[in-house]
Amino acid sequence: MDQDCWSISKFIEVSAERVFLNMYLVESKAGAITCMLFSLLFLGTWPALLTLLERRGRLPQHTYLDYTITNLFAATLIAFTVGEIGRSSMEQPNFFTQLSQVQDNWPSVWFAIAGGVVLSLGNLSTQYAWAFVGLSVTEVITASITVVIGTTLNYYLDDKINKAEILFPGVGFFLIAVCLGSAVHASNAADNKEKLDYFSIDSNNGVGTKDVTDSTRTNTNTVDMNDLENGEENAKAGTALFLIEVENKRAMKVFGKSTYIGLAITFFAGACLSLFSPAFNLATNDQWHTLKDGVPHLSVYTAFFYFSVSSSLLATILNFTFLYRPVLNAPKSSLMCYVNDWDGRGWALLAGLLSGFGNGLQFMGGQAAGYAAADAVQALPLVSTFWGVILFGEYRRSSGRTYTLIAGMLIMFIAAVAILMASAGKRKSN
């Protein structure tokens, strides 16, 4: 009896020790999918918050500097908490242990840093693309490019743990979504041009408005976003007057600009974003065997910390430069103006937290089920499109052609995400 009690006690002790040691690792398919779903929600919401601020006139340089602060804070918090759970071992060192071993794992660290650099360039580009192309189409095109390129690279890096016969049809659906996303943009641009042309005709008949590029003067025919609180009637979403109001308030003026500028920025952002996940994959799994024998792979949390530091550092340098040398006709600013700009700062800080935790959850899910399957979080345009319609009135009063293209685009996207989820595998222990 005593022997049996001792055996049971020992079994519980050993089991508890193993759980305590490994509890910070996501290992099950269900756990990985849960991480992906939360990541999807977070990564689909933060772009909407930054777009909202730009449309209310806050300079993108100010917004992105605030965003960078909390984005790095989220990664640091994950590393110093979840990355420290459990006892460190030679095979699975915790965060602080791996920081002290940086001289041994520099090759993996550099891959993590490279991933952060391309992510920073991609996110920074999308912030400007939103102004030209709109939130929904920008997110669909960049996410689709990310999946087409990034998922293919991750499939081979992960030693084909995902089912190719399921995975690649899903990639094909994303590729179709890219084409439909471009068509949606062209169709919506034509709809807006038609609305503005009719408004111009009405203006000539005495119903006009002032020059839409003059944002420093008060327009008696435009209504502020906050006028609803004062009981005044607001221009209806989707109308020509609504488009003019948005243009008068926004930080970046895009009327009259070539649509090709927005699409070029969008495709550049997509190319950058397609590389950050494969780089992170190499940082945590060392498929190219750059580490010396006996040196443990970087944990997700350590790699994410280096990844976020490089991303935040580059974003800070570029946005401080853009304060004094803005791009794409954004207004000039200064460090003092940024420090004193508290209008919308809370939303920008929240966006950084959502992005940081969203990326962290994506990597945690990818380490468990394969980074190719984790690219299913690129369904974020489904969330962004929802916010685009609810918050910004995108596609209101558009043509039947535009609505048909949007429906087709979203159907292709939903199908692609479902297929990628179904291809999830299970990573072998290192």
Protein backbone atom coordinates (compact mmCIF):
# COMPACT_ATOMS: atom_id res chain seq x y z
CA MET A 1 0.00 0.00 0.00
CA ASP A 2 2.77 2.40 0.99
CA GLN A 3 4.64 1.44 -2.16
CA ASP A 4 1.56 2.21 -4.27
CA CYS A 5 1.07 5.57 -2.55
CA TRP A 6 4.74 6.39 -3.10
CA SER A 7 4.45 5.50 -6.82
CA ILE A 8 1.36 7.62 -7.29
CA SER A 9 2.95 10.52 -5.42
CA LYS A 10 6.11 10.25 -7.50
CA PHE A 11 4.07 10.12 -10.71
CA ILE A 12 2.16 13.27 -9.75
CA GLU A 13 5.40 15.02 -8.77
CA VAL A 14 7.13 14.17 -12.05
CA SER A 15 4.06 15.08 -14.10
CA ALA A 16 3.68 18.40 -12.30
CA GLU A 17 7.36 19.12 -12.84
CA ARG A 18 7.06 18.48 -16.58
CA VAL A 19 3.94 20.64 -16.86
CA PHE A 20 5.57 23.43 -14.87
CA LEU A 21 8.66 23.24 -17.02
CA ASN A 22 6.79 23.27 -20.33
CA MET A 23 3.53 25.05 -19.57
CA TYR A 24 4.69 28.17 -21.39
CA LEU A 25 4.95 26.21 -24.66
CA VAL A 26 1.88 25.80 -26.86
CA GLU A 27 2.02 22.20 -28.03
CA SER A 28 -1.52 21.12 -28.97
CA LYS A 29 -3.38 21.84 -32.18
CA ALA A 30 -6.32 23.24 -30.21
CA GLY A 31 -4.02 25.58 -28.31
CA ALA A 32 -2.41 26.73 -31.55
CA ILE A 33 -5.79 27.48 -33.16
CA THR A 34 -6.86 29.42 -30.05
CA CYS A 35 -3.71 31.56 -30.32
CA MET A 36 -4.42 32.14 -34.01
CA LEU A 37 -8.00 33.26 -33.38
CA PHE A 38 -7.00 35.82 -30.76
CA SER A 39 -4.13 36.92 -33.00
CA LEU A 40 -6.61 37.37 -35.85
CA LEU A 41 -8.81 39.64 -33.73
CA PHE A 42 -5.90 41.77 -32.48
CA LEU A 43 -4.07 42.04 -35.80
CA GLY A 44 -7.28 42.93 -37.62
CA THR A 45 -8.20 45.70 -35.17
CA TRP A 46 -5.03 47.75 -34.70
CA PRO A 47 -4.90 48.97 -38.33
CA ALA A 48 -8.45 50.31 -37.94
CA LEU A 49 -7.37 52.39 -34.94
CA LEU A 50 -4.44 53.95 -36.80
CA THR A 51 -6.64 54.65 -39.83
CA LEU A 52 -9.22 56.31 -37.58
CA LEU A 53 -6.58 58.68 -36.20
CA GLU A 54 -5.25 59.60 -39.65
CA ARG A 55 -8.79 60.39 -40.82
CA ARG A 56 -9.23 62.65 -37.81
CA GLY A 57 -6.14 64.59 -38.76
CA ARG A 58 -3.45 63.15 -36.49
CA LEU A 59 -0.08 63.00 -38.19
CA PRO A 60 1.00 59.44 -39.05
CA GLN A 61 4.47 60.16 -37.64
CA HIS A 62 2.99 60.97 -34.22
CA THR A 63 0.68 57.98 -34.26
CA TYR A 64 3.36 55.49 -35.25
CA LEU A 65 5.80 56.72 -32.60
CA ASP A 66 3.17 56.12 -29.93
CA TYR A 67 2.30 52.76 -31.48
CA THR A 68 5.97 51.73 -31.37
CA ILE A 69 6.25 52.34 -27.62
CA THR A 70 3.51 49.93 -26.59
CA ASN A 71 4.34 47.45 -29.34
CA LEU A 72 7.79 46.97 -27.79
CA PHE A 73 6.26 46.97 -24.30
CA ALA A 74 3.99 44.04 -25.24
CA ALA A 75 6.94 41.95 -26.47
CA THR A 76 8.97 42.79 -23.37
CA LEU A 77 6.08 41.90 -21.09
CA ILE A 78 5.61 38.52 -22.82
CA ALA A 79 9.34 37.75 -22.57
CA PHE A 80 9.70 38.74 -18.90
CA THR A 81 6.56 36.87 -17.80
CA VAL A 82 5.60 33.92 -20.00
CA GLY A 83 9.20 33.51 -21.16
CA GLU A 84 10.29 33.03 -17.54
CA ILE A 85 7.67 30.45 -16.52
CA GLY A 86 9.17 27.14 -15.48
CA ARG A 87 12.70 26.13 -14.63
CA SER A 88 15.40 26.64 -17.19
CA SER A 89 17.16 23.63 -18.67
CA MET A 90 19.86 22.98 -21.25
CA GLU A 91 17.25 21.91 -23.82
CA GLN A 92 14.71 24.62 -23.00
CA PRO A 93 16.40 27.67 -21.49
CA ASN A 94 14.18 30.50 -20.35
CA PHE A 95 14.37 34.10 -21.51
CA PHE A 96 17.08 35.43 -19.18
CA THR A 97 19.27 32.38 -19.70
CA GLN A 98 19.16 32.81 -23.47
CA LEU A 99 19.95 36.51 -23.21
CA SER A 100 23.19 35.58 -21.44
CA GLN A 101 23.97 33.08 -24.21
CA VAL A 102 23.81 35.64 -27.00
CA GLN A 103 27.43 34.97 -27.98
CA ASP A 104 26.42 31.40 -28.89
CA ASN A 105 23.15 32.02 -30.72
CA TRP A 106 23.94 35.14 -32.75
CA PRO A 107 22.95 33.53 -36.10
CA SER A 108 19.43 32.96 -34.83
CA VAL A 109 19.33 36.41 -33.25
CA TRP A 110 20.17 37.97 -36.62
CA PHE A 111 17.29 36.13 -38.27
CA ALA A 112 14.94 37.50 -35.60
CA ILE A 113 16.32 41.01 -36.11
CA ALA A 114 15.88 40.71 -39.88
CA GLY A 115 12.27 39.64 -39.38
CA GLY A 116 11.64 42.72 -37.24
CA VAL A 117 13.16 45.01 -39.87
CA VAL A 118 10.95 43.78 -42.72
CA LEU A 119 7.87 43.83 -40.46
CA SER A 120 8.60 47.45 -39.53
CA LEU A 121 9.00 48.47 -43.18
CA GLY A 122 5.79 46.63 -44.10
CA ASN A 123 3.70 48.13 -41.29
CA LEU A 124 5.05 51.62 -41.92
CA SER A 125 4.20 51.34 -45.62
CA THR A 126 0.67 50.14 -44.94
CA GLN A 127 0.05 53.21 -42.79
CA TYR A 128 0.52 55.39 -45.87
CA ALA A 129 -1.23 52.95 -48.18
CA TRP A 130 -4.43 53.16 -46.10
CA ALA A 131 -4.77 56.83 -47.04
CA PHE A 132 -4.59 56.08 -50.77
CA VAL A 133 -6.33 52.72 -51.12
CA GLY A 134 -8.52 52.38 -48.02
CA LEU A 135 -8.24 50.07 -45.05
CA SER A 136 -10.09 47.06 -46.45
CA VAL A 137 -8.34 46.72 -49.79
CA THR A 138 -4.89 47.47 -48.33
CA GLU A 139 -5.26 44.72 -45.75
CA VAL A 140 -6.61 42.18 -48.24
CA ILE A 141 -3.82 42.73 -50.77
CA THR A 142 -0.95 42.78 -48.24
CA ALA A 143 -2.30 39.77 -46.34
CA SER A 144 -2.79 37.81 -49.55
CA ILE A 145 0.74 38.50 -50.76
CA THR A 146 2.03 37.55 -47.33
CA VAL A 147 0.27 34.20 -47.54
CA VAL A 148 1.23 33.42 -51.14
CA ILE A 149 4.95 34.03 -50.53
CA GLY A 150 5.33 33.55 -46.78
CA THR A 151 3.25 30.38 -46.49
CA THR A 152 5.14 28.72 -49.33
CA LEU A 153 8.49 29.52 -47.71
CA ASN A 154 7.28 28.36 -44.29
CA TYR A 155 5.98 25.09 -45.71
CA TYR A 156 9.44 24.08 -46.89
CA LEU A 157 11.21 25.50 -43.83
CA ASP A 158 8.93 23.45 -41.55
CA ASP A 159 9.91 20.24 -43.33
CA LYS A 160 6.45 19.92 -44.91
CA ILE A 161 4.61 19.22 -41.65
CA ASN A 162 1.50 20.81 -43.17
CA LYS A 163 -0.54 18.85 -45.70
CA ALA A 164 0.41 20.17 -49.14
CA GLU A 165 -2.76 18.90 -50.81
CA ILE A 166 -4.75 21.11 -48.41
CA LEU A 167 -2.33 23.99 -47.88
CA PHE A 168 -1.64 25.05 -51.46
CA PRO A 169 -5.27 25.18 -52.63
CA GLY A 170 -5.70 27.63 -49.75
CA VAL A 171 -2.77 29.67 -51.06
CA GLY A 172 -4.49 29.67 -54.46
CA PHE A 173 -7.61 31.19 -52.94
CA PHE A 174 -5.49 33.95 -51.42
CA LEU A 175 -4.00 34.65 -54.83
CA ILE A 176 -7.50 35.05 -56.26
CA ALA A 177 -8.26 37.43 -53.38
CA VAL A 178 -5.31 39.63 -54.47
CA CYS A 179 -6.82 40.03 -57.93
CA LEU A 180 -10.30 40.71 -56.55
CA GLY A 181 -8.87 43.20 -54.04
CA SER A 182 -7.28 45.21 -56.85
CA ALA A 183 -10.58 45.10 -58.78
CA VAL A 184 -12.48 46.33 -55.70
CA HIS A 185 -10.12 49.29 -55.40
CA ALA A 186 -10.50 50.23 -59.08
CA SER A 187 -14.28 49.89 -58.93
CA ASN A 188 -14.61 51.90 -55.71
CA ALA A 189 -12.32 54.63 -57.07
CA ALA A 190 -14.56 54.89 -60.14
CA ASP A 191 -17.64 55.12 -57.90
CA ASN A 192 -16.09 57.93 -55.85
CA LYS A 193 -15.04 59.82 -58.95
CA GLU A 194 -18.59 59.64 -60.27
CA LYS A 195 -19.97 60.97 -56.96
CA LEU A 196 -17.51 63.87 -56.94
CA ASP A 197 -18.21 64.69 -60.58
CA TYR A 198 -21.94 64.97 -59.83
CA PHE A 199 -21.16 67.07 -56.76
CA SER A 200 -19.02 69.38 -58.91
CA ILE A 201 -21.96 69.86 -61.29
CA ASP A 202 -24.22 70.70 -58.35
CA SER A 203 -21.57 73.09 -57.07
CA ASN A 204 -21.65 74.99 -60.33
CA ASN A 205 -25.39 75.32 -59.85
CA GLY A 206 -24.92 77.00 -56.46
CA VAL A 207 -24.61 74.09 -54.04
CA GLY A 208 -20.82 74.11 -53.88
CA THR A 209 -18.13 73.78 -51.30
CA LYS A 210 -14.67 75.24 -50.89
CA ASP A 211 -11.52 73.71 -52.27
CA VAL A 212 -11.15 70.30 -50.64
CA THR A 213 -7.39 70.68 -50.44
CA ASP A 214 -7.71 73.69 -48.15
CA SER A 215 -7.87 72.06 -44.73
CA THR A 216 -6.98 75.23 -42.80
CA ARG A 217 -10.24 77.06 -43.52
CA THR A 218 -13.70 76.37 -42.12
CA ASN A 219 -16.14 75.01 -44.65
CA THR A 220 -19.76 75.88 -43.93
CA ASN A 221 -20.93 72.95 -45.97
CA THR A 222 -18.89 70.36 -44.07
CA VAL A 223 -19.65 68.90 -40.67
CA ASP A 224 -17.16 67.84 -38.03
CA MET A 225 -17.02 64.20 -36.88
CA ASN A 226 -18.01 65.35 -33.39
CA ASP A 227 -21.07 67.32 -34.51
CA LEU A 228 -23.35 64.39 -33.76
CA GLU A 229 -22.70 65.04 -30.09
CA ASN A 230 -23.93 68.62 -30.59
CA GLY A 231 -27.12 67.50 -32.29
CA GLU A 232 -26.13 68.59 -35.79
CA GLU A 233 -26.74 66.57 -38.90
CA ASN A 234 -23.73 64.78 -40.31
CA ALA A 235 -23.05 64.09 -43.98
CA LYS A 236 -24.18 60.58 -44.81
CA ALA A 237 -21.44 57.99 -45.30
CA GLY A 238 -20.71 57.26 -48.92
CA THR A 239 -21.86 60.62 -50.27
CA ALA A 240 -19.63 63.12 -52.08
CA LEU A 241 -19.86 65.55 -49.16
CA PHE A 242 -18.76 62.80 -46.78
CA LEU A 243 -15.70 62.10 -48.96
CA ILE A 244 -14.85 65.81 -48.97
CA GLU A 245 -15.24 66.04 -45.19
CA VAL A 246 -12.85 63.15 -44.67
CA GLU A 247 -10.35 64.76 -47.03
CA ASN A 248 -10.55 68.11 -45.22
CA LYS A 249 -9.79 66.53 -41.85
CA ARG A 250 -7.30 63.82 -42.68
CA ALA A 251 -3.57 64.29 -42.17
CA MET A 252 -2.68 63.20 -45.72
CA LYS A 253 -4.39 64.68 -48.76
CA VAL A 254 -4.98 62.09 -51.47
CA PHE A 255 -7.53 63.68 -53.81
CA GLY A 256 -6.07 63.95 -57.29
CA LYS A 257 -3.25 61.49 -56.57
CA SER A 258 -2.69 58.55 -58.90
CA THR A 259 -4.29 55.32 -57.74
CA TYR A 260 -1.11 53.56 -58.84
CA ILE A 261 0.79 55.23 -55.99
CA GLY A 262 -1.44 53.56 -53.42
CA LEU A 263 -1.25 50.19 -55.12
CA ALA A 264 2.55 50.40 -55.48
CA ILE A 265 2.93 51.14 -51.74
CA THR A 266 0.51 48.32 -50.94
CA PHE A 267 2.38 45.72 -52.98
CA PHE A 268 5.72 46.84 -51.49
CA ALA A 269 4.25 46.45 -48.01
CA GLY A 270 2.98 42.98 -48.91
CA ALA A 271 6.42 41.92 -50.14
CA CYS A 272 8.01 43.04 -46.85
CA LEU A 273 5.35 41.43 -44.69
CA SER A 274 5.69 38.13 -46.55
CA LEU A 275 9.24 37.70 -45.21
CA PHE A 276 8.94 38.40 -41.48
CA SER A 277 7.34 35.04 -40.57
CA PRO A 278 9.89 32.89 -42.48
CA ALA A 279 12.70 34.88 -40.85
CA PHE A 280 11.19 34.26 -37.42
CA ASN A 281 10.79 30.58 -38.30
CA LEU A 282 14.51 30.36 -39.04
CA ALA A 283 15.31 32.15 -35.79
CA THR A 284 13.42 29.64 -33.65
CA ASN A 285 14.05 26.38 -35.54
CA ASP A 286 17.47 26.85 -37.21
CA GLN A 287 16.58 24.90 -40.35
CA TRP A 288 19.79 26.12 -42.02
CA HIS A 289 21.92 24.72 -39.15
CA THR A 290 23.73 27.96 -38.38
CA LEU A 291 24.04 27.17 -34.65
CA LYS A 292 26.87 25.11 -33.25
CA ASP A 293 26.14 21.63 -31.92
CA GLY A 294 24.70 21.70 -28.43
CA VAL A 295 23.45 25.30 -28.64
CA PRO A 296 19.67 25.32 -27.99
CA HIS A 297 17.32 27.00 -30.43
CA LEU A 298 15.92 30.39 -29.51
CA SER A 299 12.61 30.13 -27.70
CA VAL A 300 9.64 31.91 -29.23
CA TYR A 301 9.77 34.53 -26.49
CA THR A 302 13.47 35.31 -26.82
CA ALA A 303 13.23 35.52 -30.60
CA PHE A 304 10.13 37.71 -30.31
CA PHE A 305 12.00 40.09 -28.00
CA TYR A 306 14.87 40.58 -30.46
CA PHE A 307 12.35 40.75 -33.30
CA SER A 308 10.39 43.53 -31.59
CA VAL A 309 13.44 45.51 -30.52
CA SER A 310 14.73 45.73 -34.10
CA SER A 311 11.28 46.54 -35.46
CA SER A 312 10.70 49.30 -32.89
CA LEU A 313 14.19 50.77 -33.28
CA LEU A 314 13.86 51.09 -37.06
CA ALA A 315 10.33 52.51 -36.78
CA THR A 316 11.51 55.10 -34.25
CA ILE A 317 14.45 56.21 -36.42
CA LEU A 318 12.32 56.49 -39.57
CA ASN A 319 9.45 58.32 -37.92
CA PHE A 320 11.73 60.81 -36.17
CA THR A 321 13.19 61.48 -39.62
CA PHE A 322 9.70 61.85 -41.11
CA LEU A 323 8.85 64.48 -38.48
CA TYR A 324 11.22 66.88 -40.22
CA ARG A 325 11.33 65.31 -43.70
CA PRO A 326 7.83 63.92 -44.30
CA VAL A 327 6.97 61.71 -47.26
CA LEU A 328 3.94 61.67 -49.59
CA ASN A 329 3.04 65.29 -48.79
CA ALA A 330 2.39 64.66 -45.10
CA PRO A 331 2.78 67.85 -43.01
CA LYS A 332 6.05 68.61 -41.24
CA SER A 333 6.27 68.38 -37.48
CA SER A 334 8.84 68.40 -34.67
CA LEU A 335 9.74 66.49 -31.55
CA MET A 336 8.07 69.09 -29.36
CA CYS A 337 4.88 68.97 -31.42
CA TYR A 338 4.83 65.20 -31.06
CA VAL A 339 5.32 65.34 -27.29
CA ASN A 340 2.47 67.83 -26.92
CA ASP A 341 0.07 65.99 -29.25
CA TRP A 342 -2.26 64.10 -26.90
CA ASP A 343 -5.26 64.02 -29.22
CA GLY A 344 -5.83 60.34 -29.94
CA ARG A 345 -2.67 59.16 -28.19
CA GLY A 346 -4.58 56.59 -26.15
CA TRP A 347 -5.89 54.92 -29.33
CA ALA A 348 -2.39 54.81 -30.81
CA LEU A 349 -0.98 53.23 -27.64
CA LEU A 350 -3.79 50.65 -27.65
CA ALA A 351 -3.03 49.83 -31.30
CA GLY A 352 0.59 49.08 -30.36
CA LEU A 353 -0.49 46.70 -27.61
CA LEU A 354 -2.89 44.86 -29.90
CA SER A 355 -0.24 44.49 -32.60
CA GLY A 356 2.40 43.29 -30.13
CA PHE A 357 0.20 40.68 -28.48
CA GLY A 358 -1.22 39.67 -31.87
CA ASN A 359 2.21 38.97 -33.33
CA GLY A 360 3.27 37.11 -30.19
CA LEU A 361 0.22 34.84 -30.33
CA GLN A 362 0.78 34.18 -34.03
CA PHE A 363 4.33 33.00 -33.35
CA MET A 364 3.25 30.86 -30.40
CA GLY A 365 0.67 29.13 -32.58
CA GLY A 366 3.12 28.77 -35.46
CA GLN A 367 5.74 27.11 -33.30
CA ALA A 368 3.20 24.47 -32.34
CA ALA A 369 1.30 23.80 -35.56
CA GLY A 370 3.63 25.09 -38.26
CA TYR A 371 4.17 28.67 -39.39
CA ALA A 372 2.49 27.93 -42.73
CA ALA A 373 -0.79 27.16 -40.95
CA ALA A 374 -0.32 30.12 -38.61
CA ASP A 375 -0.45 32.38 -41.66
CA ALA A 376 -4.21 31.83 -41.41
CA VAL A 377 -4.17 34.87 -39.11
CA GLN A 378 -3.78 36.84 -42.31
CA ALA A 379 -7.56 36.64 -42.31
CA LEU A 380 -7.19 39.98 -40.52
CA PRO A 381 -8.75 41.77 -43.54
CA LEU A 382 -12.06 40.18 -42.53
CA VAL A 383 -11.81 42.07 -39.24
CA SER A 384 -10.40 45.21 -40.89
CA THR A 385 -13.17 45.24 -43.50
CA PHE A 386 -15.74 45.09 -40.69
CA TRP A 387 -14.13 48.08 -38.97
CA GLY A 388 -13.74 49.86 -42.32
CA VAL A 389 -17.47 49.65 -42.97
CA ILE A 390 -18.56 50.38 -39.37
CA LEU A 391 -16.11 53.17 -38.49
CA PHE A 392 -15.28 54.77 -41.84
CA GLY A 393 -18.29 54.20 -44.08
CA GLU A 394 -16.19 52.49 -46.73
CA TYR A 395 -18.21 51.23 -49.73
CA ARG A 396 -21.41 52.95 -48.62
CA ARG A 397 -23.60 53.86 -51.60
CA SER A 398 -21.22 52.12 -54.00
CA SER A 399 -22.26 50.44 -57.24
CA GLY A 400 -23.59 46.91 -57.53
CA ARG A 401 -20.36 46.00 -59.31
CA THR A 402 -18.30 47.01 -56.27
CA TYR A 403 -20.53 45.09 -53.87
CA THR A 404 -20.29 41.98 -56.03
CA LEU A 405 -16.50 42.19 -56.09
CA ILE A 406 -16.33 42.68 -52.31
CA ALA A 407 -18.54 39.64 -51.74
CA GLY A 408 -16.39 37.51 -54.02
CA MET A 409 -13.19 38.76 -52.38
CA LEU A 410 -14.40 37.92 -48.86
CA ILE A 411 -15.74 34.50 -49.89
CA MET A 412 -12.36 33.60 -51.37
CA PHE A 413 -10.69 34.86 -48.23
CA ILE A 414 -12.88 32.88 -45.83
CA ALA A 415 -12.38 29.72 -47.86
CA ALA A 416 -8.62 30.22 -47.87
CA VAL A 417 -8.47 30.67 -44.10
CA ALA A 418 -10.55 27.56 -43.45
CA ILE A 419 -8.29 25.51 -45.71
CA LEU A 420 -5.10 26.80 -44.06
CA MET A 421 -6.46 25.96 -40.63
CA ALA A 422 -7.26 22.45 -41.83
CA SER A 423 -3.65 21.98 -42.98
CA ALA A 424 -2.23 22.47 -39.47
CA GLY A 425 0.28 19.81 -38.42
CA LYS A 426 2.32 19.09 -35.30
CA ARG A 427 5.94 20.10 -34.97
CA LYS A 428 8.44 17.50 -33.86
CA SER A 429 10.48 18.28 -30.77
CA ASN A 430 13.82 19.90 -31.44
